[in-house]
Amino acid sequence: MAADRRRGLLIDFGGVLTTSVFGSFEAFCALEGLAPDAVSRAFREHPEAQQLLFDLELGAIEEAVFDAALAELIGVAPEGLAGRMFAALRPDEEMFDLVRAIRRRGIPTGLISNSWGTALYDRGTLGELFDALVISGEEGIRKPDPAIYVMGAQRIGLAPSDCVFVDDLKFNLKPARELGMATVHHTSAPETARALDELLPD
């Protein structure tokens, strides 16, 4: 097992260091009188909604443009739409503590996140957790583009094959594995902690 251990940790933000993004969408839908899966279904099935999401995550459009266009598609008021959709999102303090502990062990840590603007990120807290940040809207690339994983590894001074990558979305893990990273599908803090204990140095 020791031979398989990696030297650095790369990790997603929403849904890993926070409560479920999809749960927040469902809470928003309940408040707005929409079907529980209205937002998730729009991003999954509606090409225009998908493109709005991609453009926002790439930093190609302003949040106000995204809010207005998506609001029209799903039938809600546009004011502060993205913020309202994330209003129920909460930090997962157990995951924050886990990343802090890993970094204190001298293991380089990096964030790789598809962003919805900058409101979700507390830069002070992120500075306690991470040696490097890769936020899609600031870089103009987004997961699952392989280049964003390479960038994350480079910024913590390692090759991709030296890293573990953690994400709650399985389709974001595939490119990381193809680059030689070990991957962890996050479902809960205890499960992720157990997986990282086996993959990172003591």
N, C-alpha and C. Protein backbone atom coordinates (compact mmCIF):
# COMPACT_ATOMS: atom_id res chain seq x y z
N MET A 1 0.82 -1.21 0.00
CA MET A 1 0.00 0.00 0.00
C MET A 1 0.85 1.26 0.00
N ALA A 2 1.99 1.25 0.75
CA ALA A 2 2.81 2.45 0.85
C ALA A 2 3.29 2.93 -0.51
N ALA A 3 3.56 1.99 -1.41
CA ALA A 3 4.05 2.36 -2.74
C ALA A 3 3.01 3.13 -3.53
N ASP A 4 1.72 2.97 -3.16
CA ASP A 4 0.64 3.63 -3.88
C ASP A 4 0.31 5.00 -3.31
N ARG A 5 0.97 5.39 -2.24
CA ARG A 5 0.62 6.66 -1.61
C ARG A 5 1.07 7.84 -2.46
N ARG A 6 0.24 8.88 -2.47
CA ARG A 6 0.52 10.09 -3.24
C ARG A 6 1.02 11.19 -2.32
N ARG A 7 1.54 12.26 -2.92
CA ARG A 7 2.23 13.28 -2.12
C ARG A 7 1.44 14.57 -1.95
N GLY A 8 0.31 14.73 -2.68
CA GLY A 8 -0.44 15.96 -2.61
C GLY A 8 -1.92 15.73 -2.76
N LEU A 9 -2.71 16.70 -2.26
CA LEU A 9 -4.17 16.62 -2.29
C LEU A 9 -4.74 17.77 -3.09
N LEU A 10 -5.60 17.44 -4.05
CA LEU A 10 -6.38 18.42 -4.80
C LEU A 10 -7.85 18.12 -4.54
N ILE A 11 -8.65 19.15 -4.30
CA ILE A 11 -10.01 18.90 -3.84
C ILE A 11 -10.98 19.94 -4.39
N ASP A 12 -12.19 19.51 -4.63
CA ASP A 12 -13.28 20.37 -5.09
C ASP A 12 -13.84 21.17 -3.92
N PHE A 13 -14.67 22.18 -4.24
CA PHE A 13 -15.27 23.01 -3.19
C PHE A 13 -16.74 22.63 -2.97
N GLY A 14 -17.65 23.08 -3.85
CA GLY A 14 -19.07 22.86 -3.64
C GLY A 14 -19.44 21.39 -3.64
N GLY A 15 -20.10 20.94 -2.57
CA GLY A 15 -20.50 19.54 -2.46
C GLY A 15 -19.44 18.67 -1.82
N VAL A 16 -18.25 19.21 -1.58
CA VAL A 16 -17.19 18.48 -0.89
C VAL A 16 -16.84 19.22 0.41
N LEU A 17 -16.47 20.46 0.29
CA LEU A 17 -16.21 21.29 1.48
C LEU A 17 -17.48 21.97 1.98
N THR A 18 -18.58 21.73 1.28
CA THR A 18 -19.87 22.26 1.68
C THR A 18 -20.92 21.14 1.66
N THR A 19 -22.10 21.49 2.14
CA THR A 19 -23.24 20.60 1.97
C THR A 19 -23.57 20.49 0.48
N SER A 20 -24.52 19.65 0.15
CA SER A 20 -24.83 19.32 -1.24
C SER A 20 -25.31 20.54 -2.03
N VAL A 21 -24.69 20.77 -3.17
CA VAL A 21 -25.16 21.80 -4.09
C VAL A 21 -26.58 21.47 -4.57
N PHE A 22 -26.83 20.21 -4.86
CA PHE A 22 -28.15 19.81 -5.35
C PHE A 22 -29.21 19.97 -4.26
N GLY A 23 -28.82 19.75 -3.01
CA GLY A 23 -29.73 20.00 -1.90
C GLY A 23 -30.09 21.47 -1.79
N SER A 24 -29.12 22.35 -2.04
CA SER A 24 -29.39 23.78 -2.04
C SER A 24 -30.33 24.16 -3.18
N PHE A 25 -30.12 23.57 -4.35
CA PHE A 25 -31.02 23.81 -5.47
C PHE A 25 -32.45 23.39 -5.11
N GLU A 26 -32.59 22.25 -4.45
CA GLU A 26 -33.92 21.77 -4.08
C GLU A 26 -34.58 22.70 -3.07
N ALA A 27 -33.80 23.23 -2.12
CA ALA A 27 -34.35 24.18 -1.15
C ALA A 27 -34.81 25.45 -1.85
N PHE A 28 -34.04 25.92 -2.82
CA PHE A 28 -34.42 27.08 -3.61
C PHE A 28 -35.73 26.81 -4.34
N CYS A 29 -35.83 25.65 -4.97
CA CYS A 29 -37.04 25.31 -5.72
C CYS A 29 -38.26 25.29 -4.80
N ALA A 30 -38.10 24.77 -3.60
CA ALA A 30 -39.22 24.74 -2.65
C ALA A 30 -39.69 26.15 -2.32
N LEU A 31 -38.74 27.06 -2.10
CA LEU A 31 -39.10 28.44 -1.79
C LEU A 31 -39.78 29.14 -2.96
N GLU A 32 -39.40 28.76 -4.17
CA GLU A 32 -39.92 29.41 -5.37
C GLU A 32 -41.17 28.73 -5.93
N GLY A 33 -41.60 27.64 -5.31
CA GLY A 33 -42.77 26.93 -5.79
C GLY A 33 -42.53 26.14 -7.06
N LEU A 34 -41.28 25.73 -7.29
CA LEU A 34 -40.93 24.94 -8.46
C LEU A 34 -40.87 23.46 -8.10
N ALA A 35 -40.87 22.61 -9.11
CA ALA A 35 -40.63 21.18 -8.88
C ALA A 35 -39.25 21.02 -8.24
N PRO A 36 -39.07 20.06 -7.33
CA PRO A 36 -37.81 19.94 -6.60
C PRO A 36 -36.57 19.85 -7.48
N ASP A 37 -36.72 19.24 -8.67
CA ASP A 37 -35.57 19.04 -9.55
C ASP A 37 -35.54 20.04 -10.71
N ALA A 38 -36.28 21.15 -10.59
CA ALA A 38 -36.40 22.07 -11.72
C ALA A 38 -35.06 22.64 -12.15
N VAL A 39 -34.22 23.04 -11.20
CA VAL A 39 -32.92 23.62 -11.55
C VAL A 39 -31.98 22.55 -12.10
N SER A 40 -31.87 21.44 -11.38
CA SER A 40 -30.99 20.36 -11.84
C SER A 40 -31.41 19.85 -13.21
N ARG A 41 -32.71 19.73 -13.43
CA ARG A 41 -33.20 19.24 -14.72
C ARG A 41 -32.88 20.23 -15.84
N ALA A 42 -32.98 21.54 -15.54
CA ALA A 42 -32.66 22.55 -16.55
C ALA A 42 -31.20 22.42 -17.00
N PHE A 43 -30.30 22.27 -16.02
CA PHE A 43 -28.88 22.15 -16.37
C PHE A 43 -28.58 20.82 -17.07
N ARG A 44 -29.35 19.81 -16.77
CA ARG A 44 -29.12 18.49 -17.35
C ARG A 44 -29.71 18.36 -18.75
N GLU A 45 -30.86 19.01 -18.99
CA GLU A 45 -31.63 18.73 -20.21
C GLU A 45 -31.76 19.91 -21.15
N HIS A 46 -31.57 21.13 -20.69
CA HIS A 46 -31.83 22.30 -21.53
C HIS A 46 -30.52 22.85 -22.06
N PRO A 47 -30.28 22.79 -23.36
CA PRO A 47 -29.00 23.26 -23.91
C PRO A 47 -28.67 24.70 -23.56
N GLU A 48 -29.66 25.57 -23.56
CA GLU A 48 -29.37 26.98 -23.24
C GLU A 48 -28.95 27.14 -21.79
N ALA A 49 -29.61 26.42 -20.88
CA ALA A 49 -29.22 26.48 -19.47
C ALA A 49 -27.82 25.91 -19.28
N GLN A 50 -27.51 24.82 -19.98
CA GLN A 50 -26.17 24.24 -19.89
C GLN A 50 -25.12 25.24 -20.34
N GLN A 51 -25.38 25.92 -21.45
CA GLN A 51 -24.40 26.88 -21.96
C GLN A 51 -24.23 28.06 -21.02
N LEU A 52 -25.32 28.52 -20.41
CA LEU A 52 -25.23 29.59 -19.41
C LEU A 52 -24.33 29.16 -18.25
N LEU A 53 -24.52 27.94 -17.78
CA LEU A 53 -23.70 27.43 -16.69
C LEU A 53 -22.24 27.36 -17.08
N PHE A 54 -21.96 26.81 -18.26
CA PHE A 54 -20.58 26.70 -18.72
C PHE A 54 -19.94 28.08 -18.83
N ASP A 55 -20.68 29.03 -19.41
CA ASP A 55 -20.13 30.37 -19.60
C ASP A 55 -19.86 31.06 -18.27
N LEU A 56 -20.76 30.87 -17.30
CA LEU A 56 -20.54 31.47 -15.98
C LEU A 56 -19.32 30.87 -15.32
N GLU A 57 -19.20 29.54 -15.38
CA GLU A 57 -18.06 28.88 -14.75
C GLU A 57 -16.74 29.25 -15.41
N LEU A 58 -16.78 29.59 -16.68
CA LEU A 58 -15.57 29.99 -17.40
C LEU A 58 -15.25 31.47 -17.21
N GLY A 59 -16.14 32.21 -16.55
CA GLY A 59 -15.94 33.64 -16.41
C GLY A 59 -16.23 34.40 -17.68
N ALA A 60 -16.97 33.79 -18.62
CA ALA A 60 -17.24 34.40 -19.92
C ALA A 60 -18.44 35.34 -19.90
N ILE A 61 -19.29 35.22 -18.88
CA ILE A 61 -20.43 36.13 -18.72
C ILE A 61 -20.49 36.60 -17.28
N GLU A 62 -21.10 37.77 -17.08
CA GLU A 62 -21.30 38.30 -15.74
C GLU A 62 -22.44 37.55 -15.05
N GLU A 63 -22.40 37.52 -13.73
CA GLU A 63 -23.43 36.82 -12.98
C GLU A 63 -24.81 37.40 -13.27
N ALA A 64 -24.92 38.72 -13.46
CA ALA A 64 -26.22 39.34 -13.73
C ALA A 64 -26.81 38.86 -15.05
N VAL A 65 -25.95 38.61 -16.03
CA VAL A 65 -26.42 38.08 -17.31
C VAL A 65 -26.94 36.66 -17.13
N PHE A 66 -26.19 35.86 -16.40
CA PHE A 66 -26.62 34.50 -16.08
C PHE A 66 -27.96 34.52 -15.35
N ASP A 67 -28.07 35.38 -14.33
CA ASP A 67 -29.29 35.44 -13.53
C ASP A 67 -30.50 35.75 -14.40
N ALA A 68 -30.37 36.76 -15.26
CA ALA A 68 -31.51 37.18 -16.08
C ALA A 68 -31.93 36.09 -17.05
N ALA A 69 -30.96 35.46 -17.71
CA ALA A 69 -31.28 34.46 -18.73
C ALA A 69 -31.85 33.18 -18.10
N LEU A 70 -31.25 32.72 -17.01
CA LEU A 70 -31.75 31.50 -16.37
C LEU A 70 -33.11 31.74 -15.73
N ALA A 71 -33.30 32.91 -15.16
CA ALA A 71 -34.59 33.23 -14.55
C ALA A 71 -35.72 33.11 -15.56
N GLU A 72 -35.47 33.58 -16.76
CA GLU A 72 -36.49 33.49 -17.81
C GLU A 72 -36.77 32.03 -18.18
N LEU A 73 -35.73 31.21 -18.19
CA LEU A 73 -35.90 29.80 -18.56
C LEU A 73 -36.69 29.01 -17.53
N ILE A 74 -36.47 29.31 -16.24
CA ILE A 74 -37.13 28.51 -15.20
C ILE A 74 -38.32 29.21 -14.56
N GLY A 75 -38.56 30.49 -14.94
CA GLY A 75 -39.77 31.18 -14.51
C GLY A 75 -39.72 31.75 -13.11
N VAL A 76 -38.60 32.40 -12.76
CA VAL A 76 -38.48 33.04 -11.45
C VAL A 76 -37.95 34.46 -11.64
N ALA A 77 -37.93 35.24 -10.55
CA ALA A 77 -37.38 36.59 -10.60
C ALA A 77 -35.86 36.51 -10.76
N PRO A 78 -35.26 37.43 -11.50
CA PRO A 78 -33.82 37.34 -11.78
C PRO A 78 -32.91 37.90 -10.69
N GLU A 79 -33.42 38.78 -9.83
CA GLU A 79 -32.54 39.49 -8.90
C GLU A 79 -31.80 38.52 -7.97
N GLY A 80 -30.47 38.55 -8.07
CA GLY A 80 -29.64 37.73 -7.19
C GLY A 80 -29.89 36.24 -7.31
N LEU A 81 -30.23 35.78 -8.50
CA LEU A 81 -30.66 34.38 -8.66
C LEU A 81 -29.59 33.40 -8.22
N ALA A 82 -28.36 33.57 -8.68
CA ALA A 82 -27.32 32.61 -8.31
C ALA A 82 -27.15 32.54 -6.80
N GLY A 83 -27.15 33.69 -6.15
CA GLY A 83 -27.03 33.71 -4.70
C GLY A 83 -28.19 33.02 -4.02
N ARG A 84 -29.39 33.22 -4.53
CA ARG A 84 -30.57 32.56 -3.95
C ARG A 84 -30.49 31.05 -4.12
N MET A 85 -29.95 30.61 -5.25
CA MET A 85 -29.84 29.17 -5.49
C MET A 85 -28.86 28.50 -4.53
N PHE A 86 -27.89 29.28 -4.04
CA PHE A 86 -26.89 28.73 -3.12
C PHE A 86 -27.14 29.11 -1.66
N ALA A 87 -28.30 29.71 -1.38
CA ALA A 87 -28.54 30.23 -0.03
C ALA A 87 -28.52 29.14 1.04
N ALA A 88 -28.89 27.92 0.70
CA ALA A 88 -28.94 26.84 1.68
C ALA A 88 -27.61 26.10 1.83
N LEU A 89 -26.60 26.49 1.04
CA LEU A 89 -25.30 25.82 1.10
C LEU A 89 -24.59 26.19 2.41
N ARG A 90 -24.01 25.21 3.07
CA ARG A 90 -23.33 25.43 4.34
C ARG A 90 -21.95 24.77 4.32
N PRO A 91 -20.96 25.33 5.02
CA PRO A 91 -19.66 24.67 5.11
C PRO A 91 -19.78 23.32 5.81
N ASP A 92 -19.00 22.36 5.35
CA ASP A 92 -18.87 21.09 6.05
C ASP A 92 -17.62 21.19 6.92
N GLU A 93 -17.83 21.53 8.19
CA GLU A 93 -16.70 21.82 9.07
C GLU A 93 -15.80 20.60 9.26
N GLU A 94 -16.37 19.41 9.17
CA GLU A 94 -15.57 18.19 9.30
C GLU A 94 -14.57 18.09 8.14
N MET A 95 -15.02 18.47 6.95
CA MET A 95 -14.11 18.46 5.79
C MET A 95 -13.07 19.57 5.89
N PHE A 96 -13.47 20.75 6.36
CA PHE A 96 -12.50 21.82 6.56
C PHE A 96 -11.41 21.38 7.52
N ASP A 97 -11.81 20.75 8.62
CA ASP A 97 -10.83 20.28 9.61
C ASP A 97 -9.92 19.21 9.02
N LEU A 98 -10.48 18.35 8.18
CA LEU A 98 -9.68 17.29 7.56
C LEU A 98 -8.60 17.89 6.66
N VAL A 99 -8.96 18.86 5.83
CA VAL A 99 -7.96 19.48 4.94
C VAL A 99 -6.91 20.23 5.74
N ARG A 100 -7.34 20.94 6.78
CA ARG A 100 -6.36 21.64 7.64
C ARG A 100 -5.36 20.64 8.23
N ALA A 101 -5.88 19.51 8.72
CA ALA A 101 -5.00 18.51 9.34
C ALA A 101 -4.02 17.93 8.33
N ILE A 102 -4.49 17.68 7.13
CA ILE A 102 -3.61 17.14 6.08
C ILE A 102 -2.52 18.15 5.74
N ARG A 103 -2.88 19.41 5.63
CA ARG A 103 -1.87 20.43 5.32
C ARG A 103 -0.86 20.58 6.45
N ARG A 104 -1.31 20.45 7.70
CA ARG A 104 -0.38 20.55 8.83
C ARG A 104 0.63 19.41 8.82
N ARG A 105 0.30 18.32 8.18
CA ARG A 105 1.24 17.20 8.06
C ARG A 105 2.30 17.45 7.00
N GLY A 106 2.25 18.61 6.36
CA GLY A 106 3.24 18.95 5.35
C GLY A 106 2.89 18.49 3.96
N ILE A 107 1.64 18.06 3.76
CA ILE A 107 1.19 17.59 2.45
C ILE A 107 0.62 18.79 1.68
N PRO A 108 1.13 19.09 0.49
CA PRO A 108 0.60 20.21 -0.28
C PRO A 108 -0.88 20.00 -0.62
N THR A 109 -1.65 21.08 -0.52
CA THR A 109 -3.08 21.02 -0.79
C THR A 109 -3.48 22.09 -1.81
N GLY A 110 -4.40 21.73 -2.70
CA GLY A 110 -4.87 22.68 -3.71
C GLY A 110 -6.36 22.54 -3.95
N LEU A 111 -6.99 23.66 -4.25
CA LEU A 111 -8.41 23.69 -4.61
C LEU A 111 -8.55 23.72 -6.12
N ILE A 112 -9.45 22.88 -6.66
CA ILE A 112 -9.85 22.97 -8.06
C ILE A 112 -11.37 23.07 -8.09
N SER A 113 -11.88 24.26 -8.44
CA SER A 113 -13.31 24.51 -8.32
C SER A 113 -13.87 25.18 -9.56
N ASN A 114 -15.00 24.67 -10.03
CA ASN A 114 -15.78 25.37 -11.04
C ASN A 114 -16.59 26.45 -10.33
N SER A 115 -16.35 27.70 -10.65
CA SER A 115 -16.87 28.81 -9.85
C SER A 115 -18.16 29.38 -10.41
N TRP A 116 -18.97 29.94 -9.51
CA TRP A 116 -20.13 30.76 -9.85
C TRP A 116 -19.86 32.14 -9.29
N GLY A 117 -18.93 32.87 -9.88
CA GLY A 117 -18.52 34.14 -9.30
C GLY A 117 -17.62 33.88 -8.11
N THR A 118 -17.49 34.87 -7.24
CA THR A 118 -16.55 34.74 -6.11
C THR A 118 -17.24 34.78 -4.75
N ALA A 119 -18.58 34.94 -4.72
CA ALA A 119 -19.28 35.14 -3.45
C ALA A 119 -19.17 33.93 -2.52
N LEU A 120 -19.00 32.73 -3.07
CA LEU A 120 -18.97 31.54 -2.24
C LEU A 120 -17.64 31.34 -1.53
N TYR A 121 -16.61 32.06 -1.94
CA TYR A 121 -15.27 31.79 -1.44
C TYR A 121 -14.85 32.82 -0.42
N ASP A 122 -14.51 32.38 0.77
CA ASP A 122 -13.89 33.22 1.78
C ASP A 122 -12.38 33.05 1.63
N ARG A 123 -11.72 34.05 1.07
CA ARG A 123 -10.31 33.90 0.73
C ARG A 123 -9.45 33.68 1.97
N GLY A 124 -9.85 34.26 3.10
CA GLY A 124 -9.09 34.04 4.32
C GLY A 124 -9.11 32.58 4.74
N THR A 125 -10.30 31.99 4.71
CA THR A 125 -10.42 30.57 5.07
C THR A 125 -9.71 29.68 4.07
N LEU A 126 -9.84 30.00 2.79
CA LEU A 126 -9.16 29.19 1.77
C LEU A 126 -7.65 29.26 1.96
N GLY A 127 -7.14 30.41 2.41
CA GLY A 127 -5.70 30.53 2.66
C GLY A 127 -5.23 29.64 3.79
N GLU A 128 -6.12 29.31 4.73
CA GLU A 128 -5.78 28.38 5.82
C GLU A 128 -5.75 26.93 5.34
N LEU A 129 -6.50 26.67 4.28
CA LEU A 129 -6.67 25.29 3.82
C LEU A 129 -5.71 24.89 2.71
N PHE A 130 -5.38 25.86 1.84
CA PHE A 130 -4.75 25.49 0.58
C PHE A 130 -3.46 26.25 0.30
N ASP A 131 -2.53 25.54 -0.34
CA ASP A 131 -1.30 26.15 -0.83
C ASP A 131 -1.52 26.83 -2.17
N ALA A 132 -2.55 26.41 -2.91
CA ALA A 132 -2.81 26.98 -4.24
C ALA A 132 -4.29 26.85 -4.56
N LEU A 133 -4.79 27.81 -5.36
CA LEU A 133 -6.18 27.82 -5.79
C LEU A 133 -6.26 27.80 -7.31
N VAL A 134 -7.15 26.98 -7.85
CA VAL A 134 -7.47 27.01 -9.27
C VAL A 134 -8.99 27.14 -9.35
N ILE A 135 -9.45 28.34 -9.68
CA ILE A 135 -10.88 28.65 -9.74
C ILE A 135 -11.23 28.94 -11.19
N SER A 136 -12.17 28.18 -11.72
CA SER A 136 -12.40 28.14 -13.17
C SER A 136 -12.63 29.52 -13.78
N GLY A 137 -13.43 30.35 -13.13
CA GLY A 137 -13.75 31.64 -13.71
C GLY A 137 -12.57 32.58 -13.80
N GLU A 138 -11.54 32.32 -13.00
CA GLU A 138 -10.33 33.13 -13.03
C GLU A 138 -9.32 32.61 -14.05
N GLU A 139 -9.47 31.35 -14.42
CA GLU A 139 -8.50 30.71 -15.32
C GLU A 139 -9.03 30.54 -16.74
N GLY A 140 -10.36 30.59 -16.92
CA GLY A 140 -10.93 30.39 -18.25
C GLY A 140 -10.96 28.95 -18.69
N ILE A 141 -10.82 28.01 -17.76
CA ILE A 141 -10.99 26.58 -18.02
C ILE A 141 -11.79 26.00 -16.87
N ARG A 142 -12.51 24.91 -17.15
CA ARG A 142 -13.38 24.33 -16.13
C ARG A 142 -13.28 22.81 -16.17
N LYS A 143 -13.55 22.18 -15.04
CA LYS A 143 -13.68 20.73 -15.04
C LYS A 143 -14.85 20.34 -15.93
N PRO A 144 -14.71 19.29 -16.71
CA PRO A 144 -13.68 18.26 -16.69
C PRO A 144 -12.56 18.42 -17.72
N ASP A 145 -12.21 19.64 -18.12
CA ASP A 145 -11.07 19.84 -19.01
C ASP A 145 -9.80 19.35 -18.32
N PRO A 146 -9.06 18.41 -18.92
CA PRO A 146 -7.85 17.89 -18.27
C PRO A 146 -6.86 18.98 -17.88
N ALA A 147 -6.84 20.10 -18.61
CA ALA A 147 -5.86 21.15 -18.32
C ALA A 147 -6.01 21.73 -16.93
N ILE A 148 -7.23 21.72 -16.38
CA ILE A 148 -7.41 22.31 -15.06
C ILE A 148 -6.80 21.43 -13.97
N TYR A 149 -6.79 20.12 -14.18
CA TYR A 149 -6.17 19.21 -13.22
C TYR A 149 -4.65 19.33 -13.28
N VAL A 150 -4.12 19.44 -14.47
CA VAL A 150 -2.68 19.64 -14.63
C VAL A 150 -2.26 20.94 -13.94
N MET A 151 -3.05 22.00 -14.14
CA MET A 151 -2.75 23.28 -13.51
C MET A 151 -2.74 23.16 -11.99
N GLY A 152 -3.73 22.45 -11.44
CA GLY A 152 -3.78 22.26 -9.99
C GLY A 152 -2.55 21.56 -9.46
N ALA A 153 -2.13 20.49 -10.14
CA ALA A 153 -0.93 19.77 -9.71
C ALA A 153 0.31 20.65 -9.79
N GLN A 154 0.44 21.38 -10.89
CA GLN A 154 1.60 22.25 -11.05
C GLN A 154 1.68 23.30 -9.96
N ARG A 155 0.53 23.82 -9.57
CA ARG A 155 0.53 24.90 -8.58
C ARG A 155 0.89 24.43 -7.17
N ILE A 156 0.77 23.12 -6.92
CA ILE A 156 1.27 22.62 -5.64
C ILE A 156 2.62 21.93 -5.82
N GLY A 157 3.22 22.12 -6.99
CA GLY A 157 4.58 21.67 -7.22
C GLY A 157 4.75 20.20 -7.47
N LEU A 158 3.70 19.54 -7.97
CA LEU A 158 3.75 18.10 -8.17
C LEU A 158 3.29 17.71 -9.56
N ALA A 159 3.64 16.50 -9.97
CA ALA A 159 3.08 15.91 -11.19
C ALA A 159 1.68 15.39 -10.89
N PRO A 160 0.81 15.32 -11.89
CA PRO A 160 -0.53 14.76 -11.64
C PRO A 160 -0.49 13.38 -10.98
N SER A 161 0.45 12.55 -11.37
CA SER A 161 0.52 11.20 -10.81
C SER A 161 0.92 11.17 -9.34
N ASP A 162 1.35 12.31 -8.81
CA ASP A 162 1.69 12.41 -7.38
C ASP A 162 0.50 12.84 -6.53
N CYS A 163 -0.66 13.09 -7.16
CA CYS A 163 -1.77 13.74 -6.47
C CYS A 163 -2.97 12.82 -6.29
N VAL A 164 -3.76 13.15 -5.27
CA VAL A 164 -5.10 12.61 -5.08
C VAL A 164 -6.08 13.73 -5.40
N PHE A 165 -7.14 13.41 -6.13
CA PHE A 165 -8.18 14.39 -6.42
C PHE A 165 -9.50 13.91 -5.86
N VAL A 166 -10.22 14.82 -5.17
CA VAL A 166 -11.49 14.51 -4.53
C VAL A 166 -12.59 15.37 -5.13
N ASP A 167 -13.69 14.74 -5.55
CA ASP A 167 -14.83 15.48 -6.10
C ASP A 167 -16.10 14.70 -5.78
N ASP A 168 -17.23 15.41 -5.70
CA ASP A 168 -18.50 14.74 -5.46
C ASP A 168 -19.18 14.28 -6.74
N LEU A 169 -18.68 14.74 -7.89
CA LEU A 169 -19.27 14.37 -9.18
C LEU A 169 -18.36 13.38 -9.90
N LYS A 170 -18.89 12.21 -10.19
CA LYS A 170 -18.06 11.16 -10.76
C LYS A 170 -17.46 11.55 -12.10
N PHE A 171 -18.21 12.31 -12.92
CA PHE A 171 -17.68 12.64 -14.24
C PHE A 171 -16.49 13.60 -14.17
N ASN A 172 -16.31 14.26 -13.03
CA ASN A 172 -15.11 15.10 -12.85
C ASN A 172 -13.89 14.29 -12.43
N LEU A 173 -14.09 13.05 -12.03
CA LEU A 173 -12.98 12.21 -11.59
C LEU A 173 -12.27 11.52 -12.76
N LYS A 174 -13.01 11.22 -13.80
CA LYS A 174 -12.45 10.44 -14.92
C LYS A 174 -11.21 11.09 -15.54
N PRO A 175 -11.22 12.40 -15.88
CA PRO A 175 -10.02 12.99 -16.46
C PRO A 175 -8.83 12.96 -15.50
N ALA A 176 -9.10 13.10 -14.21
CA ALA A 176 -8.02 13.05 -13.23
C ALA A 176 -7.37 11.67 -13.21
N ARG A 177 -8.20 10.63 -13.24
CA ARG A 177 -7.65 9.26 -13.28
C ARG A 177 -6.83 9.05 -14.53
N GLU A 178 -7.32 9.56 -15.67
CA GLU A 178 -6.60 9.38 -16.93
C GLU A 178 -5.25 10.08 -16.92
N LEU A 179 -5.09 11.10 -16.08
CA LEU A 179 -3.80 11.78 -15.92
C LEU A 179 -2.89 11.09 -14.90
N GLY A 180 -3.39 10.03 -14.29
CA GLY A 180 -2.60 9.28 -13.32
C GLY A 180 -2.87 9.62 -11.88
N MET A 181 -3.82 10.50 -11.62
CA MET A 181 -4.16 10.82 -10.24
C MET A 181 -4.94 9.68 -9.59
N ALA A 182 -4.76 9.51 -8.28
CA ALA A 182 -5.70 8.71 -7.52
C ALA A 182 -6.94 9.57 -7.30
N THR A 183 -8.12 8.97 -7.28
CA THR A 183 -9.34 9.75 -7.13
C THR A 183 -10.20 9.21 -6.00
N VAL A 184 -10.94 10.12 -5.39
CA VAL A 184 -11.88 9.77 -4.33
C VAL A 184 -13.22 10.41 -4.66
N HIS A 185 -14.26 9.58 -4.76
CA HIS A 185 -15.62 10.10 -4.95
C HIS A 185 -16.17 10.45 -3.58
N HIS A 186 -16.37 11.73 -3.33
CA HIS A 186 -16.80 12.19 -2.01
C HIS A 186 -18.29 11.96 -1.84
N THR A 187 -18.64 11.24 -0.77
CA THR A 187 -20.03 11.08 -0.38
C THR A 187 -20.27 11.54 1.06
N SER A 188 -19.23 11.51 1.89
CA SER A 188 -19.33 11.99 3.26
C SER A 188 -17.93 12.23 3.79
N ALA A 189 -17.83 13.07 4.82
CA ALA A 189 -16.52 13.36 5.39
C ALA A 189 -15.84 12.11 5.96
N PRO A 190 -16.53 11.27 6.71
CA PRO A 190 -15.86 10.07 7.24
C PRO A 190 -15.33 9.14 6.14
N GLU A 191 -16.11 8.94 5.08
CA GLU A 191 -15.66 8.07 3.99
C GLU A 191 -14.45 8.67 3.28
N THR A 192 -14.48 9.96 3.03
CA THR A 192 -13.33 10.60 2.37
C THR A 192 -12.11 10.56 3.26
N ALA A 193 -12.29 10.77 4.55
CA ALA A 193 -11.15 10.71 5.48
C ALA A 193 -10.51 9.33 5.46
N ARG A 194 -11.34 8.28 5.43
CA ARG A 194 -10.78 6.92 5.40
C ARG A 194 -10.01 6.67 4.11
N ALA A 195 -10.57 7.15 2.99
CA ALA A 195 -9.89 6.96 1.71
C ALA A 195 -8.56 7.70 1.67
N LEU A 196 -8.53 8.92 2.18
CA LEU A 196 -7.29 9.70 2.14
C LEU A 196 -6.25 9.14 3.10
N ASP A 197 -6.68 8.51 4.19
CA ASP A 197 -5.73 7.87 5.09
C ASP A 197 -4.93 6.80 4.37
N GLU A 198 -5.58 6.14 3.40
CA GLU A 198 -4.90 5.08 2.66
C GLU A 198 -4.07 5.59 1.50
N LEU A 199 -4.35 6.83 1.05
CA LEU A 199 -3.71 7.34 -0.16
C LEU A 199 -2.61 8.37 0.09
N LEU A 200 -2.59 8.98 1.26
CA LEU A 200 -1.63 10.04 1.56
C LEU A 200 -0.64 9.58 2.64
N PRO A 201 0.53 10.21 2.70
CA PRO A 201 1.51 9.82 3.73
C PRO A 201 0.98 10.08 5.14
N ASP A 202 1.47 9.29 6.10
CA ASP A 202 1.09 9.48 7.50
C ASP A 202 1.67 10.79 8.04
